[in-house]
Amino acid sequence: MTCGRWNPGMWGFGPALTRLGRDLGFTPFIITVCIFLYGATLLFDRAGIQTSGILNMLSPAKESLFVFGASGAVPIFGYGRWWTVLTAGWLHGGVLHILFNMMAVRNVAPIVVDFYGASRTAIIYIFSGITGFAASSLIWAYGPRLPFLSGARLTVGASAAIAGLIGAIYFYGRRTGHRHAGDQAKQWIFYLLIFGFVVQGIDNWAHIGGLAGGYLCAKILDPLYPERIDHLLIALGLLIATAIAFAVSITQGLRLL
């Protein structure tokens, strides 16, 4: 019995994969890659590092973030760098930014893994980042300029994907009748929205787009059915596409500077 959520044999790869943990190493992978890229963006332009203010403490230069794959209306519509919807979620704009996001990943991702399995969690995470940054970029370029809801010219951060994980938990609560999961997700959504409307500089459309993307993706992937091998293949394909997007972004970005 798999309880409709998890394939304990992992299609014959169980003995090797279980050594990576229940999430197949995805949570520590996110944290490790984000920390590495944060360090890389700092080192790329050490003269441009910002140190003034708590929120801007150790912020990489905007040029560094652009080269490595920041998203937003300027990269996408100004430079045609549409693939940055894949890369921006792995970059961060300051030490507090990455600290809070990685704490959130550590708290939220294992819950989604328990409900959906590691492969579907990876799909939800990456897809939510795409929808979040696409929404933010489109709103800045074509939407109304409302206070706190204007989208972004340049945007980075894992919070769009994290919002997607929360959206997946909320769907799980509705789909299964798991009241505690639904209530916890509602609480996180409330905090996310309040924080976004109190603190300046928060990309609320990335959060809203990520939340919607995570909910939709979770609905398609239906947690009441077990994971399939094609879920693993899709997750690997998205990770490979992200790696290619980073390579293209850095290669083209260096030519544009």
C-alpha atoms as a PDB file:
ATOM      1  CA  MET A   1       0.000   0.000   0.000  1.00  0.00           C
ATOM      2  CA  THR A   2       1.256   3.459  -0.850  1.00  0.00           C
ATOM      3  CA  CYS A   3      -1.693   5.459   0.595  1.00  0.00           C
ATOM      4  CA  GLY A   4      -1.958   7.072  -2.818  1.00  0.00           C
ATOM      5  CA  ARG A   5       0.948   9.418  -2.165  1.00  0.00           C
ATOM      6  CA  TRP A   6       4.320   7.725  -2.275  1.00  0.00           C
ATOM      7  CA  ASN A   7       5.955   4.867  -4.130  1.00  0.00           C
ATOM      8  CA  PRO A   8       8.208   3.252  -1.498  1.00  0.00           C
ATOM      9  CA  GLY A   9      10.058   1.168  -4.079  1.00  0.00           C
ATOM     10  CA  MET A  10      10.773   4.175  -6.307  1.00  0.00           C
ATOM     11  CA  TRP A  11      10.473   1.964  -9.394  1.00  0.00           C
ATOM     12  CA  GLY A  12      13.392  -0.230  -8.323  1.00  0.00           C
ATOM     13  CA  PHE A  13      15.745   2.625  -7.396  1.00  0.00           C
ATOM     14  CA  GLY A  14      14.639   2.681  -3.753  1.00  0.00           C
ATOM     15  CA  PRO A  15      17.816   1.375  -2.046  1.00  0.00           C
ATOM     16  CA  ALA A  16      20.017   3.993  -3.714  1.00  0.00           C
ATOM     17  CA  LEU A  17      17.605   6.903  -3.552  1.00  0.00           C
ATOM     18  CA  THR A  18      16.526   6.457   0.058  1.00  0.00           C
ATOM     19  CA  ARG A  19      20.061   7.305   1.163  1.00  0.00           C
ATOM     20  CA  LEU A  20      19.326  10.841  -0.060  1.00  0.00           C
ATOM     21  CA  GLY A  21      16.387  11.130   2.333  1.00  0.00           C
ATOM     22  CA  ARG A  22      12.651  11.153   1.798  1.00  0.00           C
ATOM     23  CA  ASP A  23      12.899  14.235  -0.429  1.00  0.00           C
ATOM     24  CA  LEU A  24      15.690  12.603  -2.495  1.00  0.00           C
ATOM     25  CA  GLY A  25      17.971  15.435  -1.444  1.00  0.00           C
ATOM     26  CA  PHE A  26      15.853  18.138  -3.102  1.00  0.00           C
ATOM     27  CA  THR A  27      15.577  20.410  -0.047  1.00  0.00           C
ATOM     28  CA  PRO A  28      19.327  20.508   0.686  1.00  0.00           C
ATOM     29  CA  PHE A  29      19.906  20.826  -3.065  1.00  0.00           C
ATOM     30  CA  ILE A  30      17.814  24.019  -3.174  1.00  0.00           C
ATOM     31  CA  ILE A  31      19.616  25.472  -0.155  1.00  0.00           C
ATOM     32  CA  THR A  32      23.085  24.560  -1.426  1.00  0.00           C
ATOM     33  CA  VAL A  33      22.533  25.921  -4.943  1.00  0.00           C
ATOM     34  CA  CYS A  34      20.976  29.163  -3.656  1.00  0.00           C
ATOM     35  CA  ILE A  35      23.850  29.772  -1.226  1.00  0.00           C
ATOM     36  CA  PHE A  36      26.430  29.016  -3.926  1.00  0.00           C
ATOM     37  CA  LEU A  37      24.790  31.386  -6.422  1.00  0.00           C
ATOM     38  CA  TYR A  38      24.398  34.091  -3.786  1.00  0.00           C
ATOM     39  CA  GLY A  39      28.144  33.894  -3.124  1.00  0.00           C
ATOM     40  CA  ALA A  40      28.866  33.891  -6.865  1.00  0.00           C
ATOM     41  CA  THR A  41      26.804  37.039  -7.466  1.00  0.00           C
ATOM     42  CA  LEU A  42      28.623  38.785  -4.622  1.00  0.00           C
ATOM     43  CA  LEU A  43      32.047  37.833  -5.945  1.00  0.00           C
ATOM     44  CA  PHE A  44      31.202  38.723  -9.555  1.00  0.00           C
ATOM     45  CA  ASP A  45      31.138  42.438  -8.741  1.00  0.00           C
ATOM     46  CA  ARG A  46      32.594  43.008  -5.288  1.00  0.00           C
ATOM     47  CA  ALA A  47      32.750  46.770  -5.828  1.00  0.00           C
ATOM     48  CA  GLY A  48      28.980  46.878  -6.380  1.00  0.00           C
ATOM     49  CA  ILE A  49      27.997  45.117  -3.140  1.00  0.00           C
ATOM     50  CA  GLN A  50      25.565  47.207  -1.094  1.00  0.00           C
ATOM     51  CA  THR A  51      26.022  47.329   2.673  1.00  0.00           C
ATOM     52  CA  SER A  52      23.740  50.153   3.789  1.00  0.00           C
ATOM     53  CA  GLY A  53      20.507  49.332   5.626  1.00  0.00           C
ATOM     54  CA  ILE A  54      19.299  46.096   7.154  1.00  0.00           C
ATOM     55  CA  LEU A  55      17.299  44.927   4.148  1.00  0.00           C
ATOM     56  CA  ASN A  56      20.120  45.762   1.709  1.00  0.00           C
ATOM     57  CA  MET A  57      22.880  44.200   3.780  1.00  0.00           C
ATOM     58  CA  LEU A  58      25.334  42.376   1.492  1.00  0.00           C
ATOM     59  CA  SER A  59      23.190  42.883  -1.603  1.00  0.00           C
ATOM     60  CA  PRO A  60      24.779  41.803  -4.892  1.00  0.00           C
ATOM     61  CA  ALA A  61      25.137  44.465  -7.579  1.00  0.00           C
ATOM     62  CA  LYS A  62      22.194  44.664  -9.975  1.00  0.00           C
ATOM     63  CA  GLU A  63      24.584  43.956 -12.828  1.00  0.00           C
ATOM     64  CA  SER A  64      25.578  40.681 -11.157  1.00  0.00           C
ATOM     65  CA  LEU A  65      21.966  39.641 -10.675  1.00  0.00           C
ATOM     66  CA  PHE A  66      21.188  40.540 -14.288  1.00  0.00           C
ATOM     67  CA  VAL A  67      24.073  38.458 -15.640  1.00  0.00           C
ATOM     68  CA  PHE A  68      23.212  35.418 -13.523  1.00  0.00           C
ATOM     69  CA  GLY A  69      19.538  35.481 -14.491  1.00  0.00           C
ATOM     70  CA  ALA A  70      17.369  37.968 -12.605  1.00  0.00           C
ATOM     71  CA  SER A  71      13.907  38.159 -14.106  1.00  0.00           C
ATOM     72  CA  GLY A  72      11.435  41.024 -14.425  1.00  0.00           C
ATOM     73  CA  ALA A  73      10.066  43.292 -17.118  1.00  0.00           C
ATOM     74  CA  VAL A  74      13.476  44.711 -18.092  1.00  0.00           C
ATOM     75  CA  PRO A  75      15.279  41.385 -18.702  1.00  0.00           C
ATOM     76  CA  ILE A  76      12.280  39.720 -20.340  1.00  0.00           C
ATOM     77  CA  PHE A  77      10.779  42.507 -22.444  1.00  0.00           C
ATOM     78  CA  GLY A  78      13.787  44.803 -22.694  1.00  0.00           C
ATOM     79  CA  TYR A  79      16.398  42.174 -23.526  1.00  0.00           C
ATOM     80  CA  GLY A  80      14.338  39.162 -24.563  1.00  0.00           C
ATOM     81  CA  ARG A  81      15.708  37.040 -21.715  1.00  0.00           C
ATOM     82  CA  TRP A  82      12.496  35.021 -21.272  1.00  0.00           C
ATOM     83  CA  TRP A  83      14.348  32.049 -19.747  1.00  0.00           C
ATOM     84  CA  THR A  84      15.042  34.062 -16.584  1.00  0.00           C
ATOM     85  CA  VAL A  85      11.691  32.880 -15.203  1.00  0.00           C
ATOM     86  CA  LEU A  86      13.627  29.651 -14.562  1.00  0.00           C
ATOM     87  CA  THR A  87      16.746  31.194 -13.030  1.00  0.00           C
ATOM     88  CA  ALA A  88      15.536  34.112 -10.896  1.00  0.00           C
ATOM     89  CA  GLY A  89      14.157  31.898  -8.138  1.00  0.00           C
ATOM     90  CA  TRP A  90      17.634  30.624  -7.309  1.00  0.00           C
ATOM     91  CA  LEU A  91      19.116  34.110  -6.845  1.00  0.00           C
ATOM     92  CA  HIS A  92      18.794  36.450  -3.864  1.00  0.00           C
ATOM     93  CA  GLY A  93      19.166  40.151  -3.217  1.00  0.00           C
ATOM     94  CA  GLY A  94      20.695  40.173   0.258  1.00  0.00           C
ATOM     95  CA  VAL A  95      21.767  38.136   3.250  1.00  0.00           C
ATOM     96  CA  LEU A  96      18.425  38.484   5.055  1.00  0.00           C
ATOM     97  CA  HIS A  97      16.599  37.695   1.825  1.00  0.00           C
ATOM     98  CA  ILE A  98      18.343  34.366   1.387  1.00  0.00           C
ATOM     99  CA  LEU A  99      18.277  33.571   5.122  1.00  0.00           C
ATOM    100  CA  PHE A 100      14.501  33.919   5.434  1.00  0.00           C
ATOM    101  CA  ASN A 101      13.826  32.105   2.168  1.00  0.00           C
ATOM    102  CA  MET A 102      16.044  29.154   3.001  1.00  0.00           C
ATOM    103  CA  MET A 103      14.425  28.838   6.426  1.00  0.00           C
ATOM    104  CA  ALA A 104      11.061  28.763   4.675  1.00  0.00           C
ATOM    105  CA  VAL A 105      12.251  26.109   2.208  1.00  0.00           C
ATOM    106  CA  ARG A 106      13.477  23.963   5.080  1.00  0.00           C
ATOM    107  CA  ASN A 107      10.113  24.238   6.849  1.00  0.00           C
ATOM    108  CA  VAL A 108       7.700  23.978   3.926  1.00  0.00           C
ATOM    109  CA  ALA A 109       9.336  21.669   1.347  1.00  0.00           C
ATOM    110  CA  PRO A 110       9.391  18.511   3.539  1.00  0.00           C
ATOM    111  CA  ILE A 111       5.637  18.870   4.121  1.00  0.00           C
ATOM    112  CA  VAL A 112       4.972  18.990   0.383  1.00  0.00           C
ATOM    113  CA  VAL A 113       7.235  15.965  -0.096  1.00  0.00           C
ATOM    114  CA  ASP A 114       5.162  14.026   2.428  1.00  0.00           C
ATOM    115  CA  PHE A 115       1.972  14.893   0.543  1.00  0.00           C
ATOM    116  CA  TYR A 116       3.134  14.663  -3.075  1.00  0.00           C
ATOM    117  CA  GLY A 117       6.498  12.898  -3.147  1.00  0.00           C
ATOM    118  CA  ALA A 118       9.888  14.301  -4.113  1.00  0.00           C
ATOM    119  CA  SER A 119       9.441  14.416  -7.893  1.00  0.00           C
ATOM    120  CA  ARG A 120       6.126  16.225  -7.827  1.00  0.00           C
ATOM    121  CA  THR A 121       7.484  18.619  -5.202  1.00  0.00           C
ATOM    122  CA  ALA A 122      10.310  19.557  -7.570  1.00  0.00           C
ATOM    123  CA  ILE A 123       7.817  20.087 -10.410  1.00  0.00           C
ATOM    124  CA  ILE A 124       5.591  22.294  -8.238  1.00  0.00           C
ATOM    125  CA  TYR A 125       8.579  24.278  -6.964  1.00  0.00           C
ATOM    126  CA  ILE A 126      10.022  25.061 -10.395  1.00  0.00           C
ATOM    127  CA  PHE A 127       6.658  25.620 -12.103  1.00  0.00           C
ATOM    128  CA  SER A 128       5.591  28.042  -9.350  1.00  0.00           C
ATOM    129  CA  GLY A 129       8.756  30.070  -9.840  1.00  0.00           C
ATOM    130  CA  ILE A 130       7.966  30.314 -13.552  1.00  0.00           C
ATOM    131  CA  THR A 131       4.384  31.487 -13.004  1.00  0.00           C
ATOM    132  CA  GLY A 132       5.428  33.889 -10.257  1.00  0.00           C
ATOM    133  CA  PHE A 133       8.085  35.716 -12.260  1.00  0.00           C
ATOM    134  CA  ALA A 134       5.983  35.645 -15.425  1.00  0.00           C
ATOM    135  CA  ALA A 135       3.131  37.330 -13.537  1.00  0.00           C
ATOM    136  CA  SER A 136       5.395  39.970 -12.021  1.00  0.00           C
ATOM    137  CA  SER A 137       7.020  40.798 -15.350  1.00  0.00           C
ATOM    138  CA  LEU A 138       3.727  40.957 -17.263  1.00  0.00           C
ATOM    139  CA  ILE A 139       2.083  43.207 -14.682  1.00  0.00           C
ATOM    140  CA  TRP A 140       4.979  45.672 -14.729  1.00  0.00           C
ATOM    141  CA  ALA A 141       4.973  45.757 -18.531  1.00  0.00           C
ATOM    142  CA  TYR A 142       1.232  45.779 -19.230  1.00  0.00           C
ATOM    143  CA  GLY A 143      -0.717  46.038 -15.971  1.00  0.00           C
ATOM    144  CA  PRO A 144      -1.855  48.952 -13.804  1.00  0.00           C
ATOM    145  CA  ARG A 145       0.707  50.522 -11.450  1.00  0.00           C
ATOM    146  CA  LEU A 146      -1.023  49.973  -8.118  1.00  0.00           C
ATOM    147  CA  PRO A 147       0.720  50.476  -4.757  1.00  0.00           C
ATOM    148  CA  PHE A 148       2.448  47.217  -3.736  1.00  0.00           C
ATOM    149  CA  LEU A 149       1.000  45.533  -6.851  1.00  0.00           C
ATOM    150  CA  SER A 150       2.970  46.967  -9.737  1.00  0.00           C
ATOM    151  CA  GLY A 151       5.128  43.973 -10.627  1.00  0.00           C
ATOM    152  CA  ALA A 152       8.883  44.358 -10.951  1.00  0.00           C
ATOM    153  CA  ARG A 153      11.469  45.666 -13.380  1.00  0.00           C
ATOM    154  CA  LEU A 154      14.113  43.353 -11.893  1.00  0.00           C
ATOM    155  CA  THR A 155      13.237  40.560  -9.470  1.00  0.00           C
ATOM    156  CA  VAL A 156      14.832  37.554  -7.784  1.00  0.00           C
ATOM    157  CA  GLY A 157      14.192  35.186  -4.888  1.00  0.00           C
ATOM    158  CA  ALA A 158      12.884  31.757  -3.950  1.00  0.00           C
ATOM    159  CA  SER A 159       9.723  33.147  -2.359  1.00  0.00           C
ATOM    160  CA  ALA A 160       7.654  32.767  -5.549  1.00  0.00           C
ATOM    161  CA  ALA A 161       8.392  29.042  -5.571  1.00  0.00           C
ATOM    162  CA  ILE A 162       7.864  28.820  -1.799  1.00  0.00           C
ATOM    163  CA  ALA A 163       4.463  30.450  -2.265  1.00  0.00           C
ATOM    164  CA  GLY A 164       3.758  27.715  -4.806  1.00  0.00           C
ATOM    165  CA  LEU A 165       4.574  25.035  -2.246  1.00  0.00           C
ATOM    166  CA  ILE A 166       2.152  26.697   0.161  1.00  0.00           C
ATOM    167  CA  GLY A 167      -0.481  26.732  -2.588  1.00  0.00           C
ATOM    168  CA  ALA A 168       0.079  22.993  -3.041  1.00  0.00           C
ATOM    169  CA  ILE A 169      -0.450  22.396   0.679  1.00  0.00           C
ATOM    170  CA  TYR A 170      -3.668  24.423   0.535  1.00  0.00           C
ATOM    171  CA  PHE A 171      -4.905  22.311  -2.388  1.00  0.00           C
ATOM    172  CA  TYR A 172      -3.996  19.148  -0.517  1.00  0.00           C
ATOM    173  CA  GLY A 173      -6.157  20.254   2.398  1.00  0.00           C
ATOM    174  CA  ARG A 174      -9.114  20.895   0.077  1.00  0.00           C
ATOM    175  CA  ARG A 175      -8.611  17.699  -1.941  1.00  0.00           C
ATOM    176  CA  THR A 176      -8.241  15.350   1.000  1.00  0.00           C
ATOM    177  CA  GLY A 177     -10.231  17.110   3.698  1.00  0.00           C
ATOM    178  CA  HIS A 178      -7.063  17.464   5.776  1.00  0.00           C
ATOM    179  CA  ARG A 179      -8.209  20.411   7.852  1.00  0.00           C
ATOM    180  CA  HIS A 180      -4.899  21.006   9.624  1.00  0.00           C
ATOM    181  CA  ALA A 181      -3.001  21.225   6.315  1.00  0.00           C
ATOM    182  CA  GLY A 182      -5.533  23.679   4.911  1.00  0.00           C
ATOM    183  CA  ASP A 183      -5.498  25.846   8.026  1.00  0.00           C
ATOM    184  CA  GLN A 184      -1.706  25.905   8.132  1.00  0.00           C
ATOM    185  CA  ALA A 185      -1.553  26.924   4.478  1.00  0.00           C
ATOM    186  CA  LYS A 186      -4.116  29.693   5.042  1.00  0.00           C
ATOM    187  CA  GLN A 187      -2.043  31.013   7.939  1.00  0.00           C
ATOM    188  CA  TRP A 188       1.115  31.089   5.821  1.00  0.00           C
ATOM    189  CA  ILE A 189      -0.734  32.799   2.963  1.00  0.00           C
ATOM    190  CA  PHE A 190      -2.042  35.436   5.377  1.00  0.00           C
ATOM    191  CA  TYR A 191       1.450  36.115   6.752  1.00  0.00           C
ATOM    192  CA  LEU A 192       2.900  36.230   3.228  1.00  0.00           C
ATOM    193  CA  LEU A 193       0.366  38.794   2.064  1.00  0.00           C
ATOM    194  CA  ILE A 194       0.594  40.941   5.200  1.00  0.00           C
ATOM    195  CA  PHE A 195       4.395  40.970   5.013  1.00  0.00           C
ATOM    196  CA  GLY A 196       4.220  41.917   1.344  1.00  0.00           C
ATOM    197  CA  PHE A 197       1.945  44.877   1.971  1.00  0.00           C
ATOM    198  CA  VAL A 198       3.849  46.151   5.004  1.00  0.00           C
ATOM    199  CA  VAL A 199       7.449  45.920   3.797  1.00  0.00           C
ATOM    200  CA  GLN A 200       8.461  47.957   0.766  1.00  0.00           C
ATOM    201  CA  GLY A 201      10.285  46.270  -2.080  1.00  0.00           C
ATOM    202  CA  ILE A 202       8.435  42.944  -1.870  1.00  0.00           C
ATOM    203  CA  ASP A 203       7.397  41.505  -5.238  1.00  0.00           C
ATOM    204  CA  ASN A 204       3.793  40.664  -4.358  1.00  0.00           C
ATOM    205  CA  TRP A 205       2.857  39.650  -7.887  1.00  0.00           C
ATOM    206  CA  ALA A 206       5.615  37.034  -7.855  1.00  0.00           C
ATOM    207  CA  HIS A 207       4.082  35.654  -4.652  1.00  0.00           C
ATOM    208  CA  ILE A 208       0.549  35.726  -6.056  1.00  0.00           C
ATOM    209  CA  GLY A 209       1.638  34.157  -9.333  1.00  0.00           C
ATOM    210  CA  GLY A 210       3.651  31.508  -7.516  1.00  0.00           C
ATOM    211  CA  LEU A 211       0.755  30.718  -5.192  1.00  0.00           C
ATOM    212  CA  ALA A 212      -1.638  30.323  -8.119  1.00  0.00           C
ATOM    213  CA  GLY A 213       0.899  28.260 -10.065  1.00  0.00           C
ATOM    214  CA  GLY A 214       1.497  25.930  -7.142  1.00  0.00           C
ATOM    215  CA  TYR A 215      -2.218  25.407  -6.583  1.00  0.00           C
ATOM    216  CA  LEU A 216      -2.843  24.699 -10.276  1.00  0.00           C
ATOM    217  CA  CYS A 217       0.152  22.393 -10.582  1.00  0.00           C
ATOM    218  CA  ALA A 218      -0.897  20.488  -7.447  1.00  0.00           C
ATOM    219  CA  LYS A 219      -4.385  20.073  -8.877  1.00  0.00           C
ATOM    220  CA  ILE A 220      -2.990  18.600 -12.087  1.00  0.00           C
ATOM    221  CA  LEU A 221      -0.636  16.297 -10.191  1.00  0.00           C
ATOM    222  CA  ASP A 222      -3.441  15.178  -7.795  1.00  0.00           C
ATOM    223  CA  PRO A 223      -1.899  14.011  -4.478  1.00  0.00           C
ATOM    224  CA  LEU A 224      -4.438  11.175  -4.128  1.00  0.00           C
ATOM    225  CA  TYR A 225      -2.664   9.282  -6.913  1.00  0.00           C
ATOM    226  CA  PRO A 226       0.836   7.818  -6.516  1.00  0.00           C
ATOM    227  CA  GLU A 227       3.909   9.266  -8.162  1.00  0.00           C
ATOM    228  CA  ARG A 228       4.831   7.893 -11.562  1.00  0.00           C
ATOM    229  CA  ILE A 229       8.135   7.521 -13.343  1.00  0.00           C
ATOM    230  CA  ASP A 230       7.181  10.322 -15.734  1.00  0.00           C
ATOM    231  CA  HIS A 231       6.988  12.698 -12.760  1.00  0.00           C
ATOM    232  CA  LEU A 232      10.622  11.949 -12.008  1.00  0.00           C
ATOM    233  CA  LEU A 233      11.546  12.479 -15.658  1.00  0.00           C
ATOM    234  CA  ILE A 234       9.676  15.800 -15.812  1.00  0.00           C
ATOM    235  CA  ALA A 235      11.383  16.971 -12.614  1.00  0.00           C
ATOM    236  CA  LEU A 236      14.804  16.072 -14.014  1.00  0.00           C
ATOM    237  CA  GLY A 237      13.930  17.774 -17.289  1.00  0.00           C
ATOM    238  CA  LEU A 238      12.990  20.988 -15.489  1.00  0.00           C
ATOM    239  CA  LEU A 239      16.230  20.941 -13.491  1.00  0.00           C
ATOM    240  CA  ILE A 240      18.254  20.405 -16.682  1.00  0.00           C
ATOM    241  CA  ALA A 241      16.344  23.227 -18.376  1.00  0.00           C
ATOM    242  CA  THR A 242      17.157  25.475 -15.421  1.00  0.00           C
ATOM    243  CA  ALA A 243      20.862  24.629 -15.667  1.00  0.00           C
ATOM    244  CA  ILE A 244      20.812  25.405 -19.398  1.00  0.00           C
ATOM    245  CA  ALA A 245      18.992  28.686 -18.674  1.00  0.00           C
ATOM    246  CA  PHE A 246      21.782  29.687 -16.261  1.00  0.00           C
ATOM    247  CA  ALA A 247      24.434  28.881 -18.859  1.00  0.00           C
ATOM    248  CA  VAL A 248      22.648  30.926 -21.519  1.00  0.00           C
ATOM    249  CA  SER A 249      21.966  33.792 -19.135  1.00  0.00           C
ATOM    250  CA  ILE A 250      25.576  34.106 -17.978  1.00  0.00           C
ATOM    251  CA  THR A 251      27.012  33.708 -21.490  1.00  0.00           C
ATOM    252  CA  GLN A 252      24.693  36.316 -22.991  1.00  0.00           C
ATOM    253  CA  GLY A 253      24.835  38.573 -19.945  1.00  0.00           C
ATOM    254  CA  LEU A 254      28.619  38.859 -20.131  1.00  0.00           C
ATOM    255  CA  ARG A 255      28.336  39.978 -23.764  1.00  0.00           C
ATOM    256  CA  LEU A 256      25.773  42.637 -22.866  1.00  0.00           C
ATOM    257  CA  LEU A 257      27.859  44.240 -20.118  1.00  0.00           C
END
